[in-house]
Amino acid sequence: MANPYHHAVSSARKWGGEPNDYIEIHEWFDETKAHFGDFRHRALRHHTEGIWLMQSIFGRTITNSAGRVIPTRWIGEQHVTEDLGRLVTVQDWLSCMEPQPWMNRSRRLSRELERETAGVS
């Protein structure tokens, strides 16, 4: 698995500046390794929705140490493409999940609340 630092070096080669200009964004994408140690951690942020979320956190652009303004979306797309070979969507990840019975065991909360409102326990 690529390290955030290597992604940052790649960004610096592509857009100028230093790896430190980009490291926070690349670390954000890979923070999920703390929760799941293999490639499946990528399902949480390595997709187009994750790129939009990253942009809302880091802003639409950064100015690197060379003074160049870089859209953060480019950085996110670079990260995901380097790891997965292409941009993917949340649907791409979730459609590969095998549904389990516990995933669809919701309480009948509306019925419980209706009974409470009606004074029935």
N, C-alpha and C. Protein backbone atom coordinates (compact mmCIF):
# COMPACT_ATOMS: atom_id res chain seq x y z
N MET A 1 0.84 -1.18 0.00
CA MET A 1 0.00 0.00 0.00
C MET A 1 0.88 1.24 0.00
N ALA A 2 0.49 2.23 -0.78
CA ALA A 2 1.24 3.48 -0.83
C ALA A 2 1.11 4.23 0.50
N ASN A 3 2.16 4.91 0.86
CA ASN A 3 2.19 5.72 2.06
C ASN A 3 1.77 7.15 1.68
N PRO A 4 1.07 7.87 2.58
CA PRO A 4 0.70 9.26 2.26
C PRO A 4 1.89 10.12 1.82
N TYR A 5 3.04 9.86 2.39
CA TYR A 5 4.23 10.61 2.00
C TYR A 5 4.55 10.42 0.51
N HIS A 6 4.44 9.19 0.04
CA HIS A 6 4.74 8.93 -1.37
C HIS A 6 3.73 9.62 -2.28
N HIS A 7 2.46 9.65 -1.86
CA HIS A 7 1.47 10.42 -2.61
C HIS A 7 1.85 11.90 -2.64
N ALA A 8 2.33 12.41 -1.49
CA ALA A 8 2.71 13.82 -1.41
C ALA A 8 3.91 14.13 -2.30
N VAL A 9 4.87 13.22 -2.37
CA VAL A 9 6.01 13.39 -3.27
C VAL A 9 5.51 13.43 -4.72
N SER A 10 4.59 12.56 -5.04
CA SER A 10 4.01 12.53 -6.38
C SER A 10 3.30 13.84 -6.70
N SER A 11 2.57 14.38 -5.73
CA SER A 11 1.88 15.67 -5.93
C SER A 11 2.89 16.78 -6.19
N ALA A 12 3.97 16.81 -5.41
CA ALA A 12 5.00 17.84 -5.58
C ALA A 12 5.65 17.74 -6.96
N ARG A 13 5.87 16.54 -7.42
CA ARG A 13 6.43 16.36 -8.77
C ARG A 13 5.46 16.88 -9.83
N LYS A 14 4.19 16.65 -9.60
CA LYS A 14 3.17 17.00 -10.58
C LYS A 14 2.89 18.50 -10.62
N TRP A 15 2.78 19.14 -9.44
CA TRP A 15 2.33 20.53 -9.37
C TRP A 15 3.35 21.49 -8.77
N GLY A 16 4.52 20.99 -8.40
CA GLY A 16 5.54 21.85 -7.81
C GLY A 16 5.38 21.96 -6.31
N GLY A 17 6.30 22.70 -5.72
CA GLY A 17 6.29 22.83 -4.27
C GLY A 17 6.97 21.66 -3.61
N GLU A 18 6.65 21.49 -2.34
CA GLU A 18 7.26 20.45 -1.50
C GLU A 18 6.21 19.42 -1.07
N PRO A 19 6.62 18.20 -0.74
CA PRO A 19 5.66 17.21 -0.25
C PRO A 19 4.83 17.70 0.93
N ASN A 20 5.43 18.51 1.80
CA ASN A 20 4.69 19.02 2.96
C ASN A 20 3.50 19.89 2.57
N ASP A 21 3.49 20.42 1.35
CA ASP A 21 2.35 21.19 0.88
C ASP A 21 1.11 20.33 0.73
N TYR A 22 1.29 19.04 0.55
CA TYR A 22 0.20 18.12 0.19
C TYR A 22 -0.07 17.04 1.24
N ILE A 23 0.84 16.87 2.17
CA ILE A 23 0.79 15.71 3.06
C ILE A 23 -0.50 15.62 3.87
N GLU A 24 -1.03 16.74 4.35
CA GLU A 24 -2.24 16.68 5.18
C GLU A 24 -3.41 16.08 4.43
N ILE A 25 -3.55 16.43 3.17
CA ILE A 25 -4.65 15.88 2.37
C ILE A 25 -4.47 14.38 2.18
N HIS A 26 -3.27 13.97 1.84
CA HIS A 26 -3.03 12.53 1.62
C HIS A 26 -3.16 11.74 2.92
N GLU A 27 -2.74 12.32 4.03
CA GLU A 27 -2.93 11.64 5.32
C GLU A 27 -4.41 11.51 5.65
N TRP A 28 -5.20 12.52 5.31
CA TRP A 28 -6.65 12.46 5.57
C TRP A 28 -7.26 11.26 4.84
N PHE A 29 -6.91 11.06 3.59
CA PHE A 29 -7.45 9.92 2.83
C PHE A 29 -7.10 8.60 3.51
N ASP A 30 -5.91 8.51 4.08
CA ASP A 30 -5.44 7.23 4.63
C ASP A 30 -5.61 7.09 6.14
N GLU A 31 -6.21 8.08 6.79
CA GLU A 31 -6.48 7.95 8.24
C GLU A 31 -7.32 6.72 8.56
N THR A 32 -8.12 6.29 7.63
CA THR A 32 -9.01 5.15 7.88
C THR A 32 -8.23 3.85 8.05
N LYS A 33 -6.94 3.84 7.74
CA LYS A 33 -6.11 2.66 8.02
C LYS A 33 -6.09 2.36 9.52
N ALA A 34 -6.33 3.36 10.33
CA ALA A 34 -6.36 3.17 11.78
C ALA A 34 -7.54 2.28 12.20
N HIS A 35 -8.55 2.21 11.36
CA HIS A 35 -9.75 1.45 11.69
C HIS A 35 -9.82 0.11 10.97
N PHE A 36 -9.15 0.03 9.83
CA PHE A 36 -9.15 -1.21 9.07
C PHE A 36 -7.82 -1.29 8.34
N GLY A 37 -6.99 -2.25 8.71
CA GLY A 37 -5.60 -2.27 8.29
C GLY A 37 -5.28 -2.74 6.90
N ASP A 38 -6.26 -3.18 6.13
CA ASP A 38 -5.94 -3.59 4.77
C ASP A 38 -6.64 -2.67 3.77
N PHE A 39 -6.62 -3.05 2.49
CA PHE A 39 -7.13 -2.19 1.43
C PHE A 39 -8.59 -1.77 1.61
N ARG A 40 -9.34 -2.51 2.41
CA ARG A 40 -10.76 -2.18 2.59
C ARG A 40 -10.97 -0.84 3.28
N HIS A 41 -9.94 -0.32 3.95
CA HIS A 41 -10.07 1.01 4.55
C HIS A 41 -10.42 2.04 3.49
N ARG A 42 -10.02 1.79 2.25
CA ARG A 42 -10.26 2.74 1.16
C ARG A 42 -11.74 2.93 0.86
N ALA A 43 -12.57 1.98 1.20
CA ALA A 43 -14.01 2.10 0.92
C ALA A 43 -14.62 3.31 1.64
N LEU A 44 -13.97 3.80 2.69
CA LEU A 44 -14.53 4.90 3.47
C LEU A 44 -14.29 6.28 2.86
N ARG A 45 -13.18 6.47 2.12
CA ARG A 45 -12.88 7.81 1.58
C ARG A 45 -12.36 7.80 0.15
N HIS A 46 -11.92 6.67 -0.36
CA HIS A 46 -11.33 6.62 -1.70
C HIS A 46 -12.41 6.46 -2.76
N HIS A 47 -13.16 7.52 -2.98
CA HIS A 47 -14.21 7.56 -4.00
C HIS A 47 -14.59 9.01 -4.24
N THR A 48 -15.45 9.24 -5.21
CA THR A 48 -15.79 10.61 -5.59
C THR A 48 -16.45 11.38 -4.45
N GLU A 49 -17.27 10.75 -3.64
CA GLU A 49 -17.88 11.44 -2.51
C GLU A 49 -16.82 11.81 -1.48
N GLY A 50 -15.83 10.94 -1.28
CA GLY A 50 -14.72 11.24 -0.38
C GLY A 50 -13.92 12.44 -0.86
N ILE A 51 -13.76 12.56 -2.16
CA ILE A 51 -13.05 13.71 -2.71
C ILE A 51 -13.83 14.99 -2.44
N TRP A 52 -15.14 14.96 -2.60
CA TRP A 52 -15.98 16.13 -2.29
C TRP A 52 -15.90 16.48 -0.81
N LEU A 53 -15.92 15.46 0.05
CA LEU A 53 -15.81 15.69 1.48
C LEU A 53 -14.46 16.33 1.82
N MET A 54 -13.40 15.81 1.24
CA MET A 54 -12.06 16.36 1.46
C MET A 54 -12.02 17.83 1.05
N GLN A 55 -12.63 18.15 -0.07
CA GLN A 55 -12.66 19.54 -0.54
C GLN A 55 -13.40 20.44 0.43
N SER A 56 -14.45 19.93 1.05
CA SER A 56 -15.19 20.75 2.02
C SER A 56 -14.38 20.97 3.31
N ILE A 57 -13.47 20.07 3.61
CA ILE A 57 -12.63 20.19 4.81
C ILE A 57 -11.42 21.09 4.54
N PHE A 58 -10.74 20.88 3.42
CA PHE A 58 -9.49 21.57 3.13
C PHE A 58 -9.65 22.81 2.26
N GLY A 59 -10.85 23.04 1.77
CA GLY A 59 -11.08 24.17 0.87
C GLY A 59 -10.93 23.76 -0.58
N ARG A 60 -11.33 24.65 -1.45
CA ARG A 60 -11.32 24.34 -2.88
C ARG A 60 -9.92 24.36 -3.49
N THR A 61 -9.03 25.13 -2.88
CA THR A 61 -7.66 25.22 -3.40
C THR A 61 -6.67 25.31 -2.24
N ILE A 62 -5.42 25.00 -2.56
CA ILE A 62 -4.31 25.30 -1.66
C ILE A 62 -3.29 26.08 -2.48
N THR A 63 -2.46 26.85 -1.82
CA THR A 63 -1.34 27.50 -2.49
C THR A 63 -0.08 26.79 -2.00
N ASN A 64 0.63 26.17 -2.93
CA ASN A 64 1.81 25.42 -2.52
C ASN A 64 2.99 26.37 -2.27
N SER A 65 4.08 25.83 -1.80
CA SER A 65 5.23 26.65 -1.42
C SER A 65 5.89 27.33 -2.62
N ALA A 66 5.56 26.90 -3.83
CA ALA A 66 6.06 27.56 -5.03
C ALA A 66 5.14 28.70 -5.45
N GLY A 67 4.05 28.90 -4.68
CA GLY A 67 3.12 29.98 -4.97
C GLY A 67 2.04 29.62 -5.97
N ARG A 68 1.96 28.38 -6.36
CA ARG A 68 0.96 27.93 -7.33
C ARG A 68 -0.32 27.53 -6.61
N VAL A 69 -1.46 27.97 -7.13
CA VAL A 69 -2.76 27.62 -6.57
C VAL A 69 -3.21 26.31 -7.23
N ILE A 70 -3.48 25.30 -6.38
CA ILE A 70 -3.83 23.96 -6.86
C ILE A 70 -5.22 23.61 -6.33
N PRO A 71 -6.15 23.22 -7.21
CA PRO A 71 -7.44 22.74 -6.72
C PRO A 71 -7.26 21.47 -5.88
N THR A 72 -7.84 21.45 -4.70
CA THR A 72 -7.71 20.26 -3.85
C THR A 72 -8.35 19.05 -4.50
N ARG A 73 -9.35 19.28 -5.32
CA ARG A 73 -9.99 18.17 -6.04
C ARG A 73 -8.96 17.41 -6.87
N TRP A 74 -8.04 18.13 -7.50
CA TRP A 74 -6.99 17.47 -8.28
C TRP A 74 -6.17 16.55 -7.40
N ILE A 75 -5.86 17.01 -6.20
CA ILE A 75 -5.04 16.22 -5.28
C ILE A 75 -5.79 14.96 -4.86
N GLY A 76 -7.08 15.11 -4.55
CA GLY A 76 -7.89 13.94 -4.20
C GLY A 76 -8.02 12.95 -5.34
N GLU A 77 -8.24 13.47 -6.54
CA GLU A 77 -8.35 12.58 -7.70
C GLU A 77 -7.04 11.85 -7.95
N GLN A 78 -5.93 12.56 -7.76
CA GLN A 78 -4.61 11.93 -7.91
C GLN A 78 -4.45 10.79 -6.91
N HIS A 79 -4.79 11.03 -5.64
CA HIS A 79 -4.64 10.02 -4.59
C HIS A 79 -5.45 8.77 -4.92
N VAL A 80 -6.72 8.96 -5.22
CA VAL A 80 -7.60 7.82 -5.50
C VAL A 80 -7.14 7.07 -6.74
N THR A 81 -6.77 7.79 -7.78
CA THR A 81 -6.32 7.15 -9.02
C THR A 81 -5.02 6.39 -8.82
N GLU A 82 -4.10 6.94 -8.02
CA GLU A 82 -2.85 6.22 -7.75
C GLU A 82 -3.11 4.93 -6.98
N ASP A 83 -4.08 4.95 -6.08
CA ASP A 83 -4.36 3.74 -5.28
C ASP A 83 -5.25 2.73 -6.01
N LEU A 84 -6.19 3.20 -6.80
CA LEU A 84 -7.19 2.29 -7.37
C LEU A 84 -7.13 2.16 -8.89
N GLY A 85 -6.35 3.02 -9.53
CA GLY A 85 -6.24 2.93 -10.99
C GLY A 85 -7.26 3.76 -11.74
N ARG A 86 -8.29 4.21 -11.04
CA ARG A 86 -9.33 5.04 -11.65
C ARG A 86 -10.17 5.66 -10.54
N LEU A 87 -10.99 6.63 -10.90
CA LEU A 87 -11.92 7.20 -9.93
C LEU A 87 -13.10 6.25 -9.79
N VAL A 88 -13.52 6.03 -8.56
CA VAL A 88 -14.66 5.16 -8.29
C VAL A 88 -15.68 5.93 -7.46
N THR A 89 -16.88 5.39 -7.39
CA THR A 89 -17.95 6.00 -6.62
C THR A 89 -18.23 5.17 -5.37
N VAL A 90 -19.01 5.72 -4.47
CA VAL A 90 -19.47 4.95 -3.30
C VAL A 90 -20.24 3.73 -3.78
N GLN A 91 -21.03 3.90 -4.83
CA GLN A 91 -21.80 2.77 -5.37
C GLN A 91 -20.87 1.63 -5.81
N ASP A 92 -19.73 1.97 -6.40
CA ASP A 92 -18.78 0.93 -6.81
C ASP A 92 -18.35 0.09 -5.60
N TRP A 93 -18.07 0.75 -4.48
CA TRP A 93 -17.67 0.03 -3.27
C TRP A 93 -18.83 -0.76 -2.68
N LEU A 94 -19.96 -0.10 -2.47
CA LEU A 94 -21.07 -0.75 -1.76
C LEU A 94 -21.70 -1.88 -2.56
N SER A 95 -21.68 -1.79 -3.88
CA SER A 95 -22.26 -2.87 -4.69
C SER A 95 -21.45 -4.16 -4.57
N CYS A 96 -20.23 -4.06 -4.05
CA CYS A 96 -19.40 -5.24 -3.84
C CYS A 96 -19.61 -5.87 -2.46
N MET A 97 -20.37 -5.19 -1.61
CA MET A 97 -20.62 -5.73 -0.27
C MET A 97 -21.66 -6.83 -0.34
N GLU A 98 -21.43 -7.87 0.42
CA GLU A 98 -22.42 -8.93 0.52
C GLU A 98 -23.35 -8.62 1.70
N PRO A 99 -24.62 -8.36 1.42
CA PRO A 99 -25.54 -8.03 2.51
C PRO A 99 -25.61 -9.15 3.55
N GLN A 100 -25.67 -8.74 4.81
CA GLN A 100 -25.78 -9.66 5.93
C GLN A 100 -27.12 -9.40 6.64
N PRO A 101 -27.68 -10.40 7.29
CA PRO A 101 -28.98 -10.20 7.94
C PRO A 101 -29.00 -9.04 8.94
N TRP A 102 -27.93 -8.84 9.70
CA TRP A 102 -27.92 -7.77 10.70
C TRP A 102 -28.02 -6.39 10.08
N MET A 103 -27.68 -6.26 8.80
CA MET A 103 -27.71 -4.96 8.14
C MET A 103 -29.12 -4.44 7.91
N ASN A 104 -30.08 -5.33 7.98
CA ASN A 104 -31.47 -4.95 7.68
C ASN A 104 -32.39 -5.21 8.86
N ARG A 105 -31.87 -5.27 10.05
CA ARG A 105 -32.68 -5.50 11.25
C ARG A 105 -32.97 -4.18 11.94
N SER A 106 -33.89 -3.46 11.40
CA SER A 106 -34.24 -2.20 12.03
C SER A 106 -35.44 -2.39 12.95
N ARG A 107 -35.46 -1.58 13.97
CA ARG A 107 -36.60 -1.61 14.89
C ARG A 107 -37.79 -0.95 14.21
N ARG A 108 -38.96 -1.32 14.64
CA ARG A 108 -40.18 -0.68 14.16
C ARG A 108 -40.44 0.53 15.06
N LEU A 109 -39.56 1.50 14.97
CA LEU A 109 -39.60 2.65 15.84
C LEU A 109 -40.91 3.42 15.71
N SER A 110 -41.42 3.55 14.49
CA SER A 110 -42.67 4.29 14.31
C SER A 110 -43.81 3.63 15.07
N ARG A 111 -43.87 2.29 15.07
CA ARG A 111 -44.92 1.58 15.81
C ARG A 111 -44.74 1.76 17.31
N GLU A 112 -43.49 1.68 17.78
CA GLU A 112 -43.22 1.88 19.21
C GLU A 112 -43.66 3.27 19.66
N LEU A 113 -43.36 4.25 18.86
CA LEU A 113 -43.72 5.62 19.22
C LEU A 113 -45.23 5.83 19.18
N GLU A 114 -45.89 5.21 18.21
CA GLU A 114 -47.36 5.32 18.14
C GLU A 114 -48.00 4.73 19.41
N ARG A 115 -47.48 3.59 19.85
CA ARG A 115 -48.03 2.97 21.06
C ARG A 115 -47.80 3.85 22.28
N GLU A 116 -46.62 4.45 22.38
CA GLU A 116 -46.34 5.34 23.50
C GLU A 116 -47.27 6.54 23.48
N THR A 117 -47.50 7.09 22.31
CA THR A 117 -48.37 8.24 22.18
C THR A 117 -49.82 7.89 22.53
N ALA A 118 -50.20 6.66 22.19
CA ALA A 118 -51.56 6.20 22.47
C ALA A 118 -51.70 5.69 23.91
N GLY A 119 -50.61 5.65 24.67
CA GLY A 119 -50.65 5.19 26.04
C GLY A 119 -50.61 3.68 26.18
N VAL A 120 -50.20 2.99 25.13
CA VAL A 120 -50.10 1.53 25.16
C VAL A 120 -48.62 1.16 25.30
N SER A 121 -48.33 0.16 26.15
CA SER A 121 -46.94 -0.24 26.30
C SER A 121 -46.65 -1.55 25.66
